[in-house]
Amino acid sequence: MNFHPDRLVGGRPVLLRMAEDGVYRSQFVTGTSNGGLSAYRGGDRWRWESRIFGGAYDCAAADERPVYGALNYRHASIGGAPRFGSSYFRLAAHTLERATFCYPDSSTGPSAFGVATRFALIDLAEADALDALDGHIEAQIHGTLRLDRDVEALVLDPSYRGTAVDADARRLPCPVEWHPGYHLTVEHLRRHPDYRGQKYVDLGAELAANGSIDPRMIGEAASCGRYDPQDLKKVWHCLARFGAPPLARIEPSGLVATCCFPEAGSR
């Protein structure tokens, strides 16, 4: 579940909320998002779920709805859906037994679906050769997702070492690991004004320190309240697209599920 580990939920750090709850909750419960806030009856997220699951969740309580992730079919050290955040939860293999999948993601009205034992989505994703932030295979995990039982590790960006995020992560009932890290120089960022727009290149340059930007800097900007979260999301897209570490892979063990937090984020 790729997400931003330094964001707030109900005014409190997201990792502390998770440590207290012991479970991973959907956008229908938290009301937070890295993208559109549409998890309410009649909203986009509600309609997408109704379509995909034939109305099975239309009358379900908020905490009974599926949570969203991505299949890390590339076995990337930065997770299966970096679009949604710099860090991620890597799920235990047994969660595949109650996972469904679609490609492209549910916001696009997909017609290709699968389960772990009947799965043909990887060929579709690889054939499309979409932008690095768009080619994820969405996973929906059904039933309660417990951090002590269903999560192998929380994998953080190294920009959070020694910070409050690091300390909060140690309170979770799962191991903490680190991936190689995102880093983007302002010089490199300025080469790509057409990716999300010049406005976001300029904002990224404003947030940078010592000529470069990393996830922690964007998180600090989000917490100060002076910037539009949607603008910061676009800056993150630039960092994720052009500042990702050289392709580093984790060892595959069949289908590898990582949650990507579209409930902490939607398109």
C-alpha atoms as a PDB file:
ATOM      1  CA  MET A   1       0.000   0.000   0.000  1.00  0.00           C
ATOM      2  CA  ASN A   2       2.006   2.965  -1.224  1.00  0.00           C
ATOM      3  CA  PHE A   3       1.207   6.037   0.841  1.00  0.00           C
ATOM      4  CA  HIS A   4       2.670   9.177   2.372  1.00  0.00           C
ATOM      5  CA  PRO A   5       3.618   8.229   5.963  1.00  0.00           C
ATOM      6  CA  ASP A   6       3.907  11.819   7.201  1.00  0.00           C
ATOM      7  CA  ARG A   7       0.311  12.891   6.547  1.00  0.00           C
ATOM      8  CA  LEU A   8      -2.365  13.565   9.162  1.00  0.00           C
ATOM      9  CA  VAL A   9      -5.680  11.772   9.731  1.00  0.00           C
ATOM     10  CA  GLY A  10      -8.100  13.679  11.915  1.00  0.00           C
ATOM     11  CA  GLY A  11      -5.280  16.018  12.879  1.00  0.00           C
ATOM     12  CA  ARG A  12      -3.011  13.203  14.053  1.00  0.00           C
ATOM     13  CA  PRO A  13      -0.073  11.443  12.342  1.00  0.00           C
ATOM     14  CA  VAL A  14      -1.333   8.614  10.165  1.00  0.00           C
ATOM     15  CA  LEU A  15       1.154   6.080  11.569  1.00  0.00           C
ATOM     16  CA  LEU A  16       0.080   6.799  15.151  1.00  0.00           C
ATOM     17  CA  ARG A  17      -3.543   6.270  14.169  1.00  0.00           C
ATOM     18  CA  MET A  18      -2.602   2.970  12.584  1.00  0.00           C
ATOM     19  CA  ALA A  19      -0.624   1.901  15.647  1.00  0.00           C
ATOM     20  CA  GLU A  20      -3.643   2.573  17.848  1.00  0.00           C
ATOM     21  CA  ASP A  21      -6.165   0.929  15.526  1.00  0.00           C
ATOM     22  CA  GLY A  22      -4.019  -2.061  14.600  1.00  0.00           C
ATOM     23  CA  VAL A  23      -5.760  -2.261  11.230  1.00  0.00           C
ATOM     24  CA  TYR A  24      -5.574  -0.552   7.867  1.00  0.00           C
ATOM     25  CA  ARG A  25      -8.726   1.438   7.145  1.00  0.00           C
ATOM     26  CA  SER A  26     -10.264   2.541   3.865  1.00  0.00           C
ATOM     27  CA  GLN A  27     -11.006   6.066   2.692  1.00  0.00           C
ATOM     28  CA  PHE A  28     -14.645   5.443   3.629  1.00  0.00           C
ATOM     29  CA  VAL A  29     -13.510   5.393   7.272  1.00  0.00           C
ATOM     30  CA  THR A  30     -10.634   7.884   7.292  1.00  0.00           C
ATOM     31  CA  GLY A  31     -12.023  10.482   4.896  1.00  0.00           C
ATOM     32  CA  THR A  32      -8.484  11.169   3.655  1.00  0.00           C
ATOM     33  CA  SER A  33      -6.979  10.871   0.210  1.00  0.00           C
ATOM     34  CA  ASN A  34      -3.912  11.542  -1.910  1.00  0.00           C
ATOM     35  CA  GLY A  35      -6.358  12.324  -4.707  1.00  0.00           C
ATOM     36  CA  GLY A  36     -10.108  12.800  -4.997  1.00  0.00           C
ATOM     37  CA  LEU A  37     -12.296  12.562  -1.904  1.00  0.00           C
ATOM     38  CA  SER A  38     -15.125  10.492  -3.357  1.00  0.00           C
ATOM     39  CA  ALA A  39     -15.679   7.747  -0.760  1.00  0.00           C
ATOM     40  CA  TYR A  40     -19.296   8.496   0.114  1.00  0.00           C
ATOM     41  CA  ARG A  41     -22.625   7.163  -1.104  1.00  0.00           C
ATOM     42  CA  GLY A  42     -23.026   8.229  -4.714  1.00  0.00           C
ATOM     43  CA  GLY A  43     -19.411   9.434  -4.999  1.00  0.00           C
ATOM     44  CA  ASP A  44     -16.994   8.168  -7.614  1.00  0.00           C
ATOM     45  CA  ARG A  45     -15.316   5.596  -5.349  1.00  0.00           C
ATOM     46  CA  TRP A  46     -18.728   4.322  -4.217  1.00  0.00           C
ATOM     47  CA  ARG A  47     -19.893   3.976  -7.850  1.00  0.00           C
ATOM     48  CA  TRP A  48     -16.688   2.230  -8.929  1.00  0.00           C
ATOM     49  CA  GLU A  49     -17.080  -0.346  -6.158  1.00  0.00           C
ATOM     50  CA  SER A  50     -20.752  -0.821  -6.944  1.00  0.00           C
ATOM     51  CA  ARG A  51     -19.920  -1.533 -10.574  1.00  0.00           C
ATOM     52  CA  ILE A  52     -16.973  -3.832  -9.922  1.00  0.00           C
ATOM     53  CA  PHE A  53     -18.618  -5.912  -7.204  1.00  0.00           C
ATOM     54  CA  GLY A  54     -22.174  -5.945  -8.504  1.00  0.00           C
ATOM     55  CA  GLY A  55     -23.557  -3.859  -5.652  1.00  0.00           C
ATOM     56  CA  ALA A  56     -22.254  -6.243  -2.972  1.00  0.00           C
ATOM     57  CA  TYR A  57     -20.929  -3.358  -0.863  1.00  0.00           C
ATOM     58  CA  ASP A  58     -23.669  -0.819  -1.567  1.00  0.00           C
ATOM     59  CA  CYS A  59     -25.169  -1.136   1.914  1.00  0.00           C
ATOM     60  CA  ALA A  60     -22.018  -2.230   3.756  1.00  0.00           C
ATOM     61  CA  ALA A  61     -20.650  -0.377   6.758  1.00  0.00           C
ATOM     62  CA  ALA A  62     -17.615   1.777   6.014  1.00  0.00           C
ATOM     63  CA  ASP A  63     -15.236  -0.561   7.856  1.00  0.00           C
ATOM     64  CA  GLU A  64     -16.515  -3.583   5.909  1.00  0.00           C
ATOM     65  CA  ARG A  65     -15.462  -2.248   2.516  1.00  0.00           C
ATOM     66  CA  PRO A  66     -12.330  -3.467   0.721  1.00  0.00           C
ATOM     67  CA  VAL A  67      -9.038  -1.623   0.982  1.00  0.00           C
ATOM     68  CA  TYR A  68      -7.000  -0.929  -2.102  1.00  0.00           C
ATOM     69  CA  GLY A  69      -3.482  -1.827  -3.090  1.00  0.00           C
ATOM     70  CA  ALA A  70      -1.383  -2.848  -6.059  1.00  0.00           C
ATOM     71  CA  LEU A  71       0.238  -6.037  -7.258  1.00  0.00           C
ATOM     72  CA  ASN A  72       3.994  -5.486  -7.263  1.00  0.00           C
ATOM     73  CA  TYR A  73       4.464  -7.521 -10.435  1.00  0.00           C
ATOM     74  CA  ARG A  74       7.707  -5.718 -11.246  1.00  0.00           C
ATOM     75  CA  HIS A  75       9.072  -6.655  -7.789  1.00  0.00           C
ATOM     76  CA  ALA A  76      10.212  -3.051  -7.386  1.00  0.00           C
ATOM     77  CA  SER A  77      11.820  -1.925  -4.144  1.00  0.00           C
ATOM     78  CA  ILE A  78       9.599   1.197  -4.158  1.00  0.00           C
ATOM     79  CA  GLY A  79       6.361  -0.794  -4.200  1.00  0.00           C
ATOM     80  CA  GLY A  80       3.653  -1.555  -6.712  1.00  0.00           C
ATOM     81  CA  ALA A  81       2.064   1.890  -7.120  1.00  0.00           C
ATOM     82  CA  PRO A  82       4.483   4.744  -6.392  1.00  0.00           C
ATOM     83  CA  ARG A  83       1.911   7.206  -7.723  1.00  0.00           C
ATOM     84  CA  PHE A  84       0.259   7.028  -4.309  1.00  0.00           C
ATOM     85  CA  GLY A  85       3.236   7.600  -2.044  1.00  0.00           C
ATOM     86  CA  SER A  86       6.893   7.155  -1.225  1.00  0.00           C
ATOM     87  CA  SER A  87       6.442   4.336   1.296  1.00  0.00           C
ATOM     88  CA  TYR A  88       4.347   1.199   1.428  1.00  0.00           C
ATOM     89  CA  PHE A  89       3.093  -1.797   3.340  1.00  0.00           C
ATOM     90  CA  ARG A  90       4.195  -5.125   1.868  1.00  0.00           C
ATOM     91  CA  LEU A  91       1.457  -7.649   2.521  1.00  0.00           C
ATOM     92  CA  ALA A  92       1.816 -11.260   3.569  1.00  0.00           C
ATOM     93  CA  ALA A  93       1.260 -13.855   0.858  1.00  0.00           C
ATOM     94  CA  HIS A  94      -1.861 -15.258   2.518  1.00  0.00           C
ATOM     95  CA  THR A  95      -3.774 -12.030   1.776  1.00  0.00           C
ATOM     96  CA  LEU A  96      -3.851 -13.081  -1.881  1.00  0.00           C
ATOM     97  CA  GLU A  97      -6.549 -15.592  -0.947  1.00  0.00           C
ATOM     98  CA  ARG A  98      -8.998 -12.727  -0.375  1.00  0.00           C
ATOM     99  CA  ALA A  99      -7.797 -10.323  -3.035  1.00  0.00           C
ATOM    100  CA  THR A 100      -9.308  -9.380  -6.366  1.00  0.00           C
ATOM    101  CA  PHE A 101      -7.488  -7.479  -9.104  1.00  0.00           C
ATOM    102  CA  CYS A 102      -8.217  -5.263 -12.078  1.00  0.00           C
ATOM    103  CA  TYR A 103      -6.299  -3.514 -14.833  1.00  0.00           C
ATOM    104  CA  PRO A 104      -6.233  -0.606 -15.370  1.00  0.00           C
ATOM    105  CA  ASP A 105      -7.304   0.712 -11.994  1.00  0.00           C
ATOM    106  CA  SER A 106     -10.936   1.047 -10.977  1.00  0.00           C
ATOM    107  CA  SER A 107     -11.155   4.769 -11.768  1.00  0.00           C
ATOM    108  CA  THR A 108     -10.965   3.931 -15.494  1.00  0.00           C
ATOM    109  CA  GLY A 109     -13.932   1.535 -15.674  1.00  0.00           C
ATOM    110  CA  PRO A 110     -11.832  -1.587 -16.344  1.00  0.00           C
ATOM    111  CA  SER A 111     -13.133  -4.774 -17.935  1.00  0.00           C
ATOM    112  CA  ALA A 112     -10.174  -7.049 -17.089  1.00  0.00           C
ATOM    113  CA  PHE A 113     -10.253  -8.709 -13.663  1.00  0.00           C
ATOM    114  CA  GLY A 114      -8.568 -11.587 -11.877  1.00  0.00           C
ATOM    115  CA  VAL A 115      -7.896 -13.494  -8.679  1.00  0.00           C
ATOM    116  CA  ALA A 116      -4.650 -15.122  -7.584  1.00  0.00           C
ATOM    117  CA  THR A 117      -5.603 -18.510  -9.039  1.00  0.00           C
ATOM    118  CA  ARG A 118      -6.951 -17.123 -12.311  1.00  0.00           C
ATOM    119  CA  PHE A 119      -4.809 -14.232 -13.418  1.00  0.00           C
ATOM    120  CA  ALA A 120      -3.850 -12.784 -16.809  1.00  0.00           C
ATOM    121  CA  LEU A 121      -3.389  -9.080 -16.056  1.00  0.00           C
ATOM    122  CA  ILE A 122       0.402  -8.825 -16.087  1.00  0.00           C
ATOM    123  CA  ASP A 123       0.592  -9.386 -19.846  1.00  0.00           C
ATOM    124  CA  LEU A 124      -1.972  -6.617 -20.353  1.00  0.00           C
ATOM    125  CA  ALA A 125      -0.057  -4.185 -18.170  1.00  0.00           C
ATOM    126  CA  GLU A 126       3.271  -4.917 -19.811  1.00  0.00           C
ATOM    127  CA  ALA A 127       1.807  -4.668 -23.308  1.00  0.00           C
ATOM    128  CA  ASP A 128       0.397  -1.196 -22.624  1.00  0.00           C
ATOM    129  CA  ALA A 129       3.772   0.224 -21.547  1.00  0.00           C
ATOM    130  CA  LEU A 130       2.073   3.117 -19.738  1.00  0.00           C
ATOM    131  CA  ASP A 131       3.837   5.891 -17.850  1.00  0.00           C
ATOM    132  CA  ALA A 132       5.679   4.620 -14.785  1.00  0.00           C
ATOM    133  CA  LEU A 133       2.997   6.076 -12.490  1.00  0.00           C
ATOM    134  CA  ASP A 134       0.037   4.629 -14.392  1.00  0.00           C
ATOM    135  CA  GLY A 135       0.841   0.993 -15.125  1.00  0.00           C
ATOM    136  CA  HIS A 136      -0.128  -0.522 -11.779  1.00  0.00           C
ATOM    137  CA  ILE A 137      -2.441  -3.494 -11.361  1.00  0.00           C
ATOM    138  CA  GLU A 138      -4.988  -2.571  -8.719  1.00  0.00           C
ATOM    139  CA  ALA A 139      -5.711  -4.966  -5.861  1.00  0.00           C
ATOM    140  CA  GLN A 140      -8.766  -4.971  -3.635  1.00  0.00           C
ATOM    141  CA  ILE A 141      -8.286  -6.720  -0.295  1.00  0.00           C
ATOM    142  CA  HIS A 142     -11.519  -7.987   1.249  1.00  0.00           C
ATOM    143  CA  GLY A 143     -11.979  -8.330   5.003  1.00  0.00           C
ATOM    144  CA  THR A 144     -10.100  -6.734   7.881  1.00  0.00           C
ATOM    145  CA  LEU A 145      -6.431  -6.020   7.186  1.00  0.00           C
ATOM    146  CA  ARG A 146      -4.541  -6.410  10.452  1.00  0.00           C
ATOM    147  CA  LEU A 147      -1.073  -4.924  10.708  1.00  0.00           C
ATOM    148  CA  ASP A 148       0.208  -7.660  13.036  1.00  0.00           C
ATOM    149  CA  ARG A 149      -1.017 -10.563  10.912  1.00  0.00           C
ATOM    150  CA  ASP A 150      -1.380  -9.445   7.320  1.00  0.00           C
ATOM    151  CA  VAL A 151       1.622  -7.127   6.821  1.00  0.00           C
ATOM    152  CA  GLU A 152       5.187  -8.367   6.285  1.00  0.00           C
ATOM    153  CA  ALA A 153       6.816  -4.948   6.577  1.00  0.00           C
ATOM    154  CA  LEU A 154       6.438  -1.202   6.341  1.00  0.00           C
ATOM    155  CA  VAL A 155       8.985   0.004   3.776  1.00  0.00           C
ATOM    156  CA  LEU A 156       9.954   3.666   4.216  1.00  0.00           C
ATOM    157  CA  ASP A 157      11.875   6.212   2.186  1.00  0.00           C
ATOM    158  CA  PRO A 158      15.259   6.923   3.831  1.00  0.00           C
ATOM    159  CA  SER A 159      14.520  10.659   4.010  1.00  0.00           C
ATOM    160  CA  TYR A 160      12.503   9.764   7.132  1.00  0.00           C
ATOM    161  CA  ARG A 161      15.398   8.208   9.044  1.00  0.00           C
ATOM    162  CA  GLY A 162      15.685   9.766  12.487  1.00  0.00           C
ATOM    163  CA  THR A 163      12.438  11.733  12.126  1.00  0.00           C
ATOM    164  CA  ALA A 164       9.101  11.522  13.927  1.00  0.00           C
ATOM    165  CA  VAL A 165       7.904   9.260  11.108  1.00  0.00           C
ATOM    166  CA  ASP A 166      10.697   6.815  11.938  1.00  0.00           C
ATOM    167  CA  ALA A 167       9.733   6.867  15.621  1.00  0.00           C
ATOM    168  CA  ASP A 168       6.026   6.456  14.881  1.00  0.00           C
ATOM    169  CA  ALA A 169       6.745   3.547  12.543  1.00  0.00           C
ATOM    170  CA  ARG A 170       8.463   1.668  15.388  1.00  0.00           C
ATOM    171  CA  ARG A 171       5.141   1.597  17.227  1.00  0.00           C
ATOM    172  CA  LEU A 172       3.521  -0.525  14.534  1.00  0.00           C
ATOM    173  CA  PRO A 173       3.298  -4.312  15.053  1.00  0.00           C
ATOM    174  CA  CYS A 174       5.293  -5.047  11.893  1.00  0.00           C
ATOM    175  CA  PRO A 175       8.955  -4.769  10.852  1.00  0.00           C
ATOM    176  CA  VAL A 176      10.278  -1.524   9.359  1.00  0.00           C
ATOM    177  CA  GLU A 177      12.487  -1.626   6.264  1.00  0.00           C
ATOM    178  CA  TRP A 178      14.011   1.008   3.960  1.00  0.00           C
ATOM    179  CA  HIS A 179      14.157   1.240   0.183  1.00  0.00           C
ATOM    180  CA  PRO A 180      16.966   3.051  -1.716  1.00  0.00           C
ATOM    181  CA  GLY A 181      15.163   6.393  -1.704  1.00  0.00           C
ATOM    182  CA  TYR A 182      13.752   9.143  -3.918  1.00  0.00           C
ATOM    183  CA  HIS A 183      15.893  12.163  -4.765  1.00  0.00           C
ATOM    184  CA  LEU A 184      15.491  14.758  -7.509  1.00  0.00           C
ATOM    185  CA  THR A 185      17.662  17.770  -8.229  1.00  0.00           C
ATOM    186  CA  VAL A 186      16.005  21.040  -9.162  1.00  0.00           C
ATOM    187  CA  GLU A 187      18.120  21.060 -12.311  1.00  0.00           C
ATOM    188  CA  HIS A 188      16.596  17.743 -13.392  1.00  0.00           C
ATOM    189  CA  LEU A 189      13.097  18.813 -12.350  1.00  0.00           C
ATOM    190  CA  ARG A 190      13.315  21.901 -14.567  1.00  0.00           C
ATOM    191  CA  ARG A 191      13.808  19.673 -17.618  1.00  0.00           C
ATOM    192  CA  HIS A 192      10.235  18.367 -17.365  1.00  0.00           C
ATOM    193  CA  PRO A 193       7.731  21.257 -17.302  1.00  0.00           C
ATOM    194  CA  ASP A 194       5.439  19.360 -19.671  1.00  0.00           C
ATOM    195  CA  TYR A 195       4.928  16.415 -17.300  1.00  0.00           C
ATOM    196  CA  ARG A 196       2.565  18.085 -14.824  1.00  0.00           C
ATOM    197  CA  GLY A 197       3.072  21.767 -15.652  1.00  0.00           C
ATOM    198  CA  GLN A 198       5.469  24.636 -15.044  1.00  0.00           C
ATOM    199  CA  LYS A 199       3.534  25.630 -11.917  1.00  0.00           C
ATOM    200  CA  TYR A 200       4.561  22.406 -10.194  1.00  0.00           C
ATOM    201  CA  VAL A 201       8.154  22.639 -11.342  1.00  0.00           C
ATOM    202  CA  ASP A 202       8.318  26.078  -9.752  1.00  0.00           C
ATOM    203  CA  LEU A 203       6.674  24.825  -6.562  1.00  0.00           C
ATOM    204  CA  GLY A 204       9.069  21.901  -6.365  1.00  0.00           C
ATOM    205  CA  ALA A 205      11.996  24.289  -6.715  1.00  0.00           C
ATOM    206  CA  GLU A 206      10.534  26.417  -3.920  1.00  0.00           C
ATOM    207  CA  LEU A 207      10.299  23.416  -1.587  1.00  0.00           C
ATOM    208  CA  ALA A 208      13.787  22.133  -2.378  1.00  0.00           C
ATOM    209  CA  ALA A 209      16.784  22.455  -0.073  1.00  0.00           C
ATOM    210  CA  ASN A 210      20.394  22.460  -1.235  1.00  0.00           C
ATOM    211  CA  GLY A 211      19.251  22.116  -4.822  1.00  0.00           C
ATOM    212  CA  SER A 212      17.191  18.934  -4.461  1.00  0.00           C
ATOM    213  CA  ILE A 213      13.877  17.610  -3.203  1.00  0.00           C
ATOM    214  CA  ASP A 214      12.848  14.416  -1.409  1.00  0.00           C
ATOM    215  CA  PRO A 215       9.601  13.014   0.074  1.00  0.00           C
ATOM    216  CA  ARG A 216      10.189  14.483   3.528  1.00  0.00           C
ATOM    217  CA  MET A 217      10.306  18.014   2.100  1.00  0.00           C
ATOM    218  CA  ILE A 218       6.946  17.566   0.394  1.00  0.00           C
ATOM    219  CA  GLY A 219       5.524  16.164   3.633  1.00  0.00           C
ATOM    220  CA  GLU A 220       6.726  19.181   5.591  1.00  0.00           C
ATOM    221  CA  ALA A 221       5.016  21.433   3.058  1.00  0.00           C
ATOM    222  CA  ALA A 222       1.801  19.442   3.464  1.00  0.00           C
ATOM    223  CA  SER A 223       1.867  19.778   7.250  1.00  0.00           C
ATOM    224  CA  CYS A 224       2.403  23.550   7.306  1.00  0.00           C
ATOM    225  CA  GLY A 225      -0.981  24.227   5.696  1.00  0.00           C
ATOM    226  CA  ARG A 226       0.272  26.894   3.280  1.00  0.00           C
ATOM    227  CA  TYR A 227       0.036  24.795   0.130  1.00  0.00           C
ATOM    228  CA  ASP A 228      -2.842  23.238  -1.782  1.00  0.00           C
ATOM    229  CA  PRO A 229      -2.674  19.443  -1.276  1.00  0.00           C
ATOM    230  CA  GLN A 230      -3.534  18.936  -4.944  1.00  0.00           C
ATOM    231  CA  ASP A 231      -0.538  21.051  -5.945  1.00  0.00           C
ATOM    232  CA  LEU A 232       1.723  19.036  -3.659  1.00  0.00           C
ATOM    233  CA  LYS A 233       0.348  15.853  -5.193  1.00  0.00           C
ATOM    234  CA  LYS A 234       1.540  17.033  -8.612  1.00  0.00           C
ATOM    235  CA  VAL A 235       4.979  17.856  -7.201  1.00  0.00           C
ATOM    236  CA  TRP A 236       5.081  14.337  -5.769  1.00  0.00           C
ATOM    237  CA  HIS A 237       4.239  12.925  -9.193  1.00  0.00           C
ATOM    238  CA  CYS A 238       7.262  14.744 -10.617  1.00  0.00           C
ATOM    239  CA  LEU A 239       9.524  13.425  -7.862  1.00  0.00           C
ATOM    240  CA  ALA A 240       8.150   9.891  -8.182  1.00  0.00           C
ATOM    241  CA  ARG A 241       8.505   9.903 -11.967  1.00  0.00           C
ATOM    242  CA  PHE A 242      11.951  11.449 -12.307  1.00  0.00           C
ATOM    243  CA  GLY A 243      13.553  10.957  -8.891  1.00  0.00           C
ATOM    244  CA  ALA A 244      12.934   7.260  -8.284  1.00  0.00           C
ATOM    245  CA  PRO A 245      15.979   5.183  -7.341  1.00  0.00           C
ATOM    246  CA  PRO A 246      17.629   3.025 -10.012  1.00  0.00           C
ATOM    247  CA  LEU A 247      15.531  -0.078 -10.530  1.00  0.00           C
ATOM    248  CA  ALA A 248      16.109  -2.220  -7.488  1.00  0.00           C
ATOM    249  CA  ARG A 249      14.137  -5.378  -7.115  1.00  0.00           C
ATOM    250  CA  ILE A 250      12.949  -7.522  -4.257  1.00  0.00           C
ATOM    251  CA  GLU A 251      13.089 -11.262  -4.639  1.00  0.00           C
ATOM    252  CA  PRO A 252       9.761 -12.497  -6.051  1.00  0.00           C
ATOM    253  CA  SER A 253       7.690 -15.130  -4.291  1.00  0.00           C
ATOM    254  CA  GLY A 254       4.877 -15.702  -6.742  1.00  0.00           C
ATOM    255  CA  LEU A 255       2.336 -12.882  -6.829  1.00  0.00           C
ATOM    256  CA  VAL A 256       3.565 -10.120  -4.536  1.00  0.00           C
ATOM    257  CA  ALA A 257       0.888  -7.825  -3.146  1.00  0.00           C
ATOM    258  CA  THR A 258       1.715  -4.388  -1.863  1.00  0.00           C
ATOM    259  CA  CYS A 259      -0.959  -1.995  -0.734  1.00  0.00           C
ATOM    260  CA  CYS A 260      -0.932   1.314  -2.540  1.00  0.00           C
ATOM    261  CA  PHE A 261      -3.349   3.438  -0.530  1.00  0.00           C
ATOM    262  CA  PRO A 262      -5.744   4.745  -3.127  1.00  0.00           C
ATOM    263  CA  GLU A 263      -7.942   5.250  -0.092  1.00  0.00           C
ATOM    264  CA  ALA A 264      -5.262   7.402   1.124  1.00  0.00           C
ATOM    265  CA  GLY A 265      -5.331   8.184  -2.529  1.00  0.00           C
ATOM    266  CA  SER A 266      -7.295   8.110  -5.696  1.00  0.00           C
ATOM    267  CA  ARG A 267      -6.611   9.608  -9.052  1.00  0.00           C
END
